[in-house]
Amino acid sequence: MRLDVVRGRVDRLRALMRERGLDALTVMVFERLNSEGCHYISGFRGSSAALVIDAERELLITDGRYRTQAAMQSPFTLIVQAGLPVSEYVAGVVSENGYRRVGFEAEKVSCGIFETSLKKVAVEWKDASTLIPSLRRHKDAVEVDAIRRAGVIARKSLDRALKEVRVGMTEIEFESRLLYEIKMAGAEKGWAHDDFIVVSGERGAMCHGRATEKPFVRGDTVTLDYGVMVDGYMCDVTRNFAVGGAQDRAAELDKILVRAHREAVAVLRPGVSGKEADAVARKLIEDAGYGKNFVHGLGHGLGLEIHEAPRLSHLSKDVLQTGDIVTVEPGIYIEGWGGLRVEDDYLITEGGAECLTQSDDQHLRVVGE
């Protein structure tokens, strides 16, 4: 990560720390848990680490496996731990420096680690779980560019994979082919921690179903929810295709969902609530007679993680801000028949929303004829 990007993020973090009256902030990564926050602030992408940031210094603590990687990825001062858990090193650094009020991420640190490592240090520990997520919500130009590039790879890879679809191909075979195309196109991987959603025929009613050995049957509608990682950032896209020919019902739902998607996008702008955006798509789907079949929210934020703030749903309390990146993904799911969903990713700008992923037709495609 560029040095100026890291420095800018640390400066903004320090401003928040001063507002909270914190002498220092600790960030800990345990077997990849919270690796995204560490990556965002320091540039380091290892599976075990800790950061200690005060008014003047930025320390990165990790073990010998990551000595070379940490030095390459982060400008922070490196401390290589040996013989003690990373949380014990954090406790030692905090104790040695005489801090009074220290922030830690209670949402990421277990009770056991807090009780055995942190609590024994005589400082005032303050929950600072919201600090880094509040910075991460506003995507800078580097982040936007990574997600836009991920979207380009996603589209081109899907185009190539769809050329291989045939009756009898299994869901797993298709997912594997798509992942092959994604990595051959230069991406790091698909999603960070999840398989893609590939559901065909009646299985399409499972909005989060994973690929199985089920073969594609002529006339099947297939819903594919997938993504691409570039420089740690992910896009999130859903497309539908029909194998050998589209059913009338699939064509009907496709028209409803594409319209709901586009009308919801038309209202996206700073100051619009997640609830308001969701209501636009939800009303259109309800008016078409499928309200009970739209069983999730309209969308969510994304970036280093596939689900971040803000949320677009009928329960959301979030209000859109310039720099948010959100998905828009209305869906209809019918038990015993199947389902469809249409999803792309949007950057909230001062004047509305810019699509970062849609360079193709969102409508249902017929393949494998």
Protein backbone atom coordinates (compact mmCIF):
# COMPACT_ATOMS: atom_id res chain seq x y z
CA MET A 1 0.00 0.00 0.00
CA ARG A 2 1.26 3.47 -0.85
CA LEU A 3 2.98 5.30 2.01
CA ASP A 4 0.89 8.44 1.55
CA VAL A 5 -2.32 6.41 1.82
CA VAL A 6 -1.21 4.79 5.09
CA ARG A 7 -0.07 8.12 6.53
CA GLY A 8 -3.34 9.79 5.63
CA ARG A 9 -5.36 7.07 7.32
CA VAL A 10 -3.21 7.14 10.46
CA ASP A 11 -3.58 10.92 10.66
CA ARG A 12 -7.38 10.64 10.48
CA LEU A 13 -7.31 7.88 13.09
CA ARG A 14 -5.23 10.02 15.44
CA ALA A 15 -7.76 12.83 15.11
CA LEU A 16 -10.49 10.45 16.28
CA MET A 17 -8.28 9.23 19.12
CA ARG A 18 -7.81 12.81 20.32
CA GLU A 19 -11.58 13.33 20.24
CA ARG A 20 -11.97 10.28 22.48
CA GLY A 21 -9.16 11.31 24.80
CA LEU A 22 -7.13 8.18 24.03
CA ASP A 23 -3.39 8.06 24.62
CA ALA A 24 -3.08 4.99 22.40
CA LEU A 25 -5.11 2.54 20.34
CA THR A 26 -4.54 -1.20 20.06
CA VAL A 27 -5.69 -3.35 17.14
CA MET A 28 -5.30 -7.13 17.32
CA VAL A 29 -5.61 -9.87 14.69
CA PHE A 30 -6.27 -13.45 15.78
CA GLU A 31 -6.18 -16.13 13.07
CA ARG A 32 -7.34 -13.57 10.48
CA LEU A 33 -10.13 -12.21 12.69
CA ASN A 34 -9.89 -8.42 12.25
CA SER A 35 -7.20 -8.69 9.58
CA GLU A 36 -9.18 -6.18 7.50
CA GLY A 37 -8.84 -3.43 10.10
CA CYS A 38 -5.13 -4.05 10.43
CA HIS A 39 -4.69 -4.01 6.65
CA TYR A 40 -6.62 -0.77 6.31
CA ILE A 41 -4.53 1.16 8.83
CA SER A 42 -1.09 -0.40 8.41
CA GLY A 43 -0.99 -2.09 5.01
CA PHE A 44 -0.06 -5.43 6.60
CA ARG A 45 -2.14 -8.47 5.59
CA GLY A 46 -0.94 -11.29 7.84
CA SER A 47 -3.12 -13.63 9.93
CA SER A 48 -1.61 -12.77 13.34
CA ALA A 49 -0.63 -9.27 14.41
CA ALA A 50 -1.21 -6.31 16.66
CA LEU A 51 -0.91 -2.57 16.22
CA VAL A 52 -0.20 -0.02 18.92
CA ILE A 53 -0.67 3.56 17.77
CA ASP A 54 -0.09 6.60 19.96
CA ALA A 55 0.42 10.30 19.23
CA GLU A 56 3.90 9.76 17.80
CA ARG A 57 4.50 6.10 16.97
CA GLU A 58 2.94 3.26 15.04
CA LEU A 59 4.06 -0.22 16.09
CA LEU A 60 3.33 -3.46 14.23
CA ILE A 61 3.79 -6.64 16.27
CA THR A 62 3.82 -10.01 14.50
CA ASP A 63 5.70 -13.31 14.56
CA GLY A 64 8.68 -14.57 12.62
CA ARG A 65 6.59 -16.04 9.81
CA TYR A 66 5.73 -12.51 8.70
CA ARG A 67 9.05 -10.70 9.31
CA THR A 68 9.76 -10.13 5.62
CA GLN A 69 6.15 -9.62 4.57
CA ALA A 70 5.47 -7.06 7.30
CA ALA A 71 8.54 -5.03 6.39
CA MET A 72 7.48 -5.01 2.74
CA GLN A 73 3.82 -4.14 3.30
CA SER A 74 3.84 -1.63 6.15
CA PRO A 75 5.84 1.48 7.12
CA PHE A 76 5.06 0.84 10.82
CA THR A 77 7.92 0.07 13.21
CA LEU A 78 8.17 -3.72 13.31
CA ILE A 79 8.42 -5.78 16.51
CA VAL A 80 8.89 -9.52 15.96
CA GLN A 81 7.33 -11.49 18.79
CA ALA A 82 8.91 -14.65 20.16
CA GLY A 83 7.64 -16.94 22.88
CA LEU A 84 4.59 -14.93 23.94
CA PRO A 85 1.10 -14.51 22.45
CA VAL A 86 0.58 -11.27 20.56
CA SER A 87 -1.85 -10.05 23.23
CA GLU A 88 0.90 -10.36 25.86
CA TYR A 89 3.20 -8.23 23.71
CA VAL A 90 0.47 -5.60 23.48
CA ALA A 91 0.07 -5.63 27.25
CA GLY A 92 3.82 -5.20 27.66
CA VAL A 93 4.03 -2.25 25.26
CA VAL A 94 1.08 -0.54 26.93
CA SER A 95 2.58 -1.04 30.38
CA GLU A 96 6.05 0.16 29.40
CA ASN A 97 4.82 3.42 27.87
CA GLY A 98 2.79 4.69 30.81
CA TYR A 99 -0.42 5.33 28.92
CA ARG A 100 -3.51 6.25 30.94
CA ARG A 101 -6.43 5.69 28.54
CA VAL A 102 -6.04 3.04 25.87
CA GLY A 103 -8.55 2.07 23.21
CA PHE A 104 -9.18 -1.54 22.25
CA GLU A 105 -11.74 -3.18 19.97
CA ALA A 106 -14.07 -4.99 22.35
CA GLU A 107 -16.02 -6.41 19.41
CA LYS A 108 -12.86 -8.19 18.20
CA VAL A 109 -11.21 -9.23 21.48
CA SER A 110 -12.55 -12.22 23.40
CA CYS A 111 -13.37 -12.02 27.11
CA GLY A 112 -10.65 -14.58 27.76
CA ILE A 113 -7.92 -12.54 26.09
CA PHE A 114 -9.05 -9.34 27.79
CA GLU A 115 -9.13 -10.97 31.22
CA THR A 116 -5.80 -12.79 30.93
CA SER A 117 -3.71 -10.27 28.96
CA LEU A 118 -5.13 -6.75 28.93
CA LYS A 119 -7.06 -6.28 32.15
CA LYS A 120 -4.00 -6.92 34.29
CA VAL A 121 -2.36 -3.75 32.90
CA ALA A 122 -3.16 -0.75 35.10
CA VAL A 123 -4.69 1.54 32.48
CA GLU A 124 -8.22 2.67 31.67
CA TRP A 125 -9.31 0.49 28.78
CA LYS A 126 -11.93 2.11 26.52
CA ASP A 127 -13.96 0.39 23.84
CA ALA A 128 -12.90 1.89 20.49
CA SER A 129 -14.62 -0.64 18.23
CA THR A 130 -16.19 2.06 16.03
CA LEU A 131 -13.06 4.08 15.20
CA ILE A 132 -11.58 2.13 12.28
CA PRO A 133 -14.97 1.08 10.81
CA SER A 134 -15.98 4.76 10.76
CA LEU A 135 -12.90 5.52 8.66
CA ARG A 136 -13.38 2.50 6.42
CA ARG A 137 -16.92 3.45 5.50
CA HIS A 138 -15.76 6.39 3.35
CA LYS A 139 -13.92 4.85 0.41
CA ASP A 140 -10.96 6.81 -0.97
CA ALA A 141 -9.78 6.87 -4.59
CA VAL A 142 -7.45 3.89 -4.06
CA GLU A 143 -10.29 1.75 -2.73
CA VAL A 144 -12.73 2.81 -5.43
CA ASP A 145 -10.18 1.98 -8.12
CA ALA A 146 -9.58 -1.50 -6.67
CA ILE A 147 -13.30 -2.31 -6.61
CA ARG A 148 -13.78 -0.92 -10.11
CA ARG A 149 -10.94 -3.13 -11.39
CA ALA A 150 -12.46 -6.09 -9.57
CA GLY A 151 -15.73 -5.39 -11.38
CA VAL A 152 -14.04 -5.43 -14.78
CA ILE A 153 -12.43 -8.80 -14.05
CA ALA A 154 -15.74 -10.14 -12.73
CA ARG A 155 -17.58 -9.26 -15.93
CA LYS A 156 -14.94 -10.58 -18.33
CA SER A 157 -14.46 -13.78 -16.33
CA LEU A 158 -18.19 -14.49 -16.30
CA ASP A 159 -18.42 -13.93 -20.04
CA ARG A 160 -15.71 -16.54 -20.58
CA ALA A 161 -17.18 -19.02 -18.09
CA LEU A 162 -20.67 -18.79 -19.60
CA LYS A 163 -19.28 -19.96 -22.95
CA GLU A 164 -18.53 -23.31 -21.27
CA VAL A 165 -22.04 -23.88 -19.86
CA ARG A 166 -23.78 -26.97 -21.15
CA VAL A 167 -26.68 -29.17 -20.08
CA GLY A 168 -25.25 -31.68 -17.59
CA MET A 169 -22.58 -29.36 -16.22
CA THR A 170 -22.79 -29.32 -12.42
CA GLU A 171 -23.03 -26.25 -10.23
CA ILE A 172 -19.62 -27.06 -8.74
CA GLU A 173 -18.06 -27.46 -12.18
CA PHE A 174 -19.37 -24.06 -13.21
CA GLU A 175 -18.14 -22.41 -10.00
CA SER A 176 -14.70 -23.97 -10.50
CA ARG A 177 -14.55 -22.76 -14.09
CA LEU A 178 -15.48 -19.23 -13.05
CA LEU A 179 -12.84 -19.19 -10.29
CA TYR A 180 -10.26 -20.39 -12.81
CA GLU A 181 -11.13 -17.54 -15.17
CA ILE A 182 -11.01 -15.01 -12.31
CA LYS A 183 -7.53 -16.02 -11.21
CA MET A 184 -6.23 -16.28 -14.77
CA ALA A 185 -7.43 -12.69 -15.27
CA GLY A 186 -5.08 -11.53 -12.51
CA ALA A 187 -7.33 -11.36 -9.44
CA GLU A 188 -6.16 -12.54 -6.02
CA LYS A 189 -9.20 -14.73 -5.55
CA GLY A 190 -12.97 -14.59 -5.51
CA TRP A 191 -14.43 -13.64 -2.15
CA ALA A 192 -12.13 -13.67 0.86
CA HIS A 193 -13.84 -16.26 3.05
CA ASP A 194 -16.87 -17.65 1.19
CA ASP A 195 -17.66 -19.85 -1.77
CA PHE A 196 -19.84 -18.39 -4.49
CA ILE A 197 -23.61 -18.83 -4.52
CA VAL A 198 -24.59 -21.04 -7.45
CA VAL A 199 -28.16 -22.34 -7.35
CA SER A 200 -30.08 -23.81 -10.27
CA GLY A 201 -33.69 -24.85 -10.84
CA GLU A 202 -35.70 -25.23 -7.64
CA ARG A 203 -32.55 -24.60 -5.61
CA GLY A 204 -32.77 -20.97 -6.69
CA ALA A 205 -35.23 -20.42 -3.84
CA MET A 206 -32.21 -20.64 -1.48
CA CYS A 207 -30.82 -17.12 -1.70
CA HIS A 208 -27.57 -18.21 0.01
CA GLY A 209 -27.29 -21.74 -1.41
CA ARG A 210 -23.83 -23.06 -2.29
CA ALA A 211 -22.83 -25.03 -5.36
CA THR A 212 -23.53 -28.76 -5.34
CA GLU A 213 -23.17 -31.73 -7.70
CA LYS A 214 -26.60 -30.95 -9.16
CA PRO A 215 -26.33 -30.89 -12.97
CA PHE A 216 -27.86 -28.14 -15.07
CA VAL A 217 -31.06 -29.27 -16.77
CA ARG A 218 -32.40 -27.70 -19.95
CA GLY A 219 -34.65 -24.83 -18.94
CA ASP A 220 -32.98 -24.34 -15.54
CA THR A 221 -32.61 -20.78 -14.32
CA VAL A 222 -29.30 -20.35 -12.50
CA THR A 223 -28.60 -17.58 -9.98
CA LEU A 224 -24.93 -16.75 -9.53
CA ASP A 225 -23.76 -14.45 -6.71
CA TYR A 226 -20.00 -14.00 -6.99
CA GLY A 227 -17.15 -11.56 -6.60
CA VAL A 228 -13.51 -10.77 -7.25
CA MET A 229 -10.73 -9.57 -4.93
CA VAL A 230 -8.19 -7.00 -6.12
CA ASP A 231 -5.65 -5.53 -3.65
CA GLY A 232 -7.77 -6.88 -0.79
CA TYR A 233 -11.00 -5.23 -1.98
CA MET A 234 -13.99 -7.16 -3.28
CA CYS A 235 -16.83 -6.58 -5.66
CA ASP A 236 -20.17 -8.35 -5.24
CA VAL A 237 -22.31 -9.16 -8.30
CA THR A 238 -25.35 -11.35 -8.97
CA ARG A 239 -26.41 -12.48 -12.43
CA ASN A 240 -28.96 -14.98 -13.70
CA PHE A 241 -28.76 -17.22 -16.73
CA ALA A 242 -30.98 -19.86 -18.28
CA VAL A 243 -29.59 -23.11 -19.66
CA GLY A 244 -30.87 -23.88 -23.15
CA GLY A 245 -33.85 -21.52 -22.99
CA ALA A 246 -35.69 -19.31 -20.51
CA GLN A 247 -39.02 -20.16 -18.86
CA ASP A 248 -41.80 -17.57 -19.12
CA ARG A 249 -41.86 -17.11 -15.34
CA ALA A 250 -38.13 -16.47 -15.24
CA ALA A 251 -38.47 -13.83 -17.93
CA GLU A 252 -41.30 -12.18 -15.97
CA LEU A 253 -39.32 -12.06 -12.71
CA ASP A 254 -36.25 -10.82 -14.54
CA LYS A 255 -38.12 -7.77 -15.85
CA ILE A 256 -39.52 -6.98 -12.40
CA LEU A 257 -36.13 -7.24 -10.69
CA VAL A 258 -34.17 -5.23 -13.24
CA ARG A 259 -36.78 -2.46 -13.00
CA ALA A 260 -36.76 -2.59 -9.17
CA HIS A 261 -32.97 -2.46 -9.18
CA ARG A 262 -32.77 0.53 -11.49
CA GLU A 263 -35.52 2.53 -9.78
CA ALA A 264 -33.83 2.01 -6.41
CA VAL A 265 -30.49 3.13 -7.84
CA ALA A 266 -32.14 6.28 -9.18
CA VAL A 267 -32.83 7.51 -5.61
CA LEU A 268 -29.36 6.80 -4.21
CA ARG A 269 -27.59 9.95 -3.09
CA PRO A 270 -26.19 11.49 0.11
CA GLY A 271 -28.91 12.05 2.71
CA VAL A 272 -31.16 9.22 1.54
CA SER A 273 -31.73 6.59 4.22
CA GLY A 274 -31.16 2.89 3.74
CA LYS A 275 -34.82 2.40 4.59
CA GLU A 276 -35.96 4.80 1.85
CA ALA A 277 -33.86 3.10 -0.83
CA ASP A 278 -35.14 -0.32 0.21
CA ALA A 279 -38.75 0.91 0.09
CA VAL A 280 -38.51 1.89 -3.59
CA ALA A 281 -37.59 -1.61 -4.74
CA ARG A 282 -39.81 -3.33 -2.18
CA LYS A 283 -42.94 -1.43 -3.27
CA LEU A 284 -42.41 -2.27 -6.93
CA ILE A 285 -41.96 -5.96 -6.11
CA GLU A 286 -45.01 -5.90 -3.83
CA ASP A 287 -47.12 -4.22 -6.52
CA ALA A 288 -46.11 -7.01 -8.91
CA GLY A 289 -47.48 -9.57 -6.43
CA TYR A 290 -44.19 -10.89 -5.05
CA GLY A 291 -43.74 -8.89 -1.86
CA LYS A 292 -43.59 -11.95 0.39
CA ASN A 293 -40.91 -13.41 -1.87
CA PHE A 294 -38.41 -10.58 -1.32
CA VAL A 295 -36.98 -11.92 1.93
CA HIS A 296 -33.86 -9.81 2.56
CA GLY A 297 -32.71 -6.21 2.52
CA LEU A 298 -31.93 -4.31 -0.65
CA GLY A 299 -28.17 -4.13 -0.09
CA HIS A 300 -25.13 -3.50 2.05
CA GLY A 301 -21.79 -1.75 2.09
CA LEU A 302 -18.66 -3.57 0.98
CA GLY A 303 -14.92 -3.10 0.66
CA LEU A 304 -12.26 -5.14 2.48
CA GLU A 305 -15.17 -7.22 3.76
CA ILE A 306 -18.12 -8.37 1.72
CA HIS A 307 -20.57 -6.97 4.28
CA GLU A 308 -19.83 -3.56 5.77
CA ALA A 309 -21.78 -0.43 6.71
CA PRO A 310 -24.12 1.02 5.59
CA ARG A 311 -27.16 -1.24 5.20
CA LEU A 312 -30.05 -0.76 2.80
CA SER A 313 -33.08 -2.47 4.34
CA HIS A 314 -36.46 -1.83 5.87
CA LEU A 315 -34.78 -2.03 9.30
CA SER A 316 -31.77 0.16 8.51
CA LYS A 317 -31.03 3.33 10.46
CA ASP A 318 -28.14 4.30 8.18
CA VAL A 319 -28.14 7.42 6.00
CA LEU A 320 -26.07 7.41 2.81
CA GLN A 321 -22.93 9.55 2.69
CA THR A 322 -20.58 10.58 -0.09
CA GLY A 323 -17.92 7.88 -0.39
CA ASP A 324 -20.15 4.93 0.60
CA ILE A 325 -20.04 1.89 -1.65
CA VAL A 326 -23.18 -0.22 -1.51
CA THR A 327 -24.74 -3.15 -3.30
CA VAL A 328 -28.25 -3.05 -4.73
CA GLU A 329 -29.66 -6.57 -4.98
CA PRO A 330 -33.44 -7.08 -5.08
CA GLY A 331 -34.48 -10.73 -5.31
CA ILE A 332 -37.55 -12.93 -5.64
CA TYR A 333 -37.53 -16.52 -4.31
CA ILE A 334 -40.35 -19.03 -4.78
CA GLU A 335 -40.38 -22.36 -2.95
CA GLY A 336 -40.69 -25.27 -5.34
CA TRP A 337 -39.75 -23.20 -8.39
CA GLY A 338 -36.55 -21.19 -7.85
CA GLY A 339 -35.49 -17.56 -7.74
CA LEU A 340 -33.57 -14.67 -9.24
CA ARG A 341 -31.56 -11.71 -7.93
CA VAL A 342 -29.92 -8.77 -9.72
CA GLU A 343 -26.93 -7.11 -8.04
CA ASP A 344 -24.32 -4.46 -8.78
CA ASP A 345 -22.12 -2.16 -6.69
CA TYR A 346 -22.47 1.63 -6.48
CA LEU A 347 -20.32 4.50 -5.26
CA ILE A 348 -22.37 7.25 -3.62
CA THR A 349 -21.31 10.59 -5.11
CA GLU A 350 -22.44 14.15 -4.47
CA GLY A 351 -24.83 13.90 -7.43
CA GLY A 352 -26.15 10.35 -7.02
CA ALA A 353 -24.60 6.92 -7.57
CA GLU A 354 -21.90 5.61 -9.93
CA CYS A 355 -21.99 1.93 -10.88
CA LEU A 356 -18.61 0.23 -10.37
CA THR A 357 -19.53 -3.18 -11.79
CA GLN A 358 -22.23 -2.99 -14.45
CA SER A 359 -20.60 -3.09 -17.86
CA ASP A 360 -22.95 -5.73 -19.22
CA ASP A 361 -26.69 -6.26 -19.54
CA GLN A 362 -28.29 -7.04 -16.18
CA HIS A 363 -31.05 -9.08 -17.78
CA LEU A 364 -31.34 -12.86 -17.78
CA ARG A 365 -29.04 -14.46 -20.35
CA VAL A 366 -29.70 -17.68 -22.25
CA VAL A 367 -26.60 -19.88 -22.62
CA GLY A 368 -25.73 -23.46 -23.54
CA GLU A 369 -28.11 -23.63 -26.47
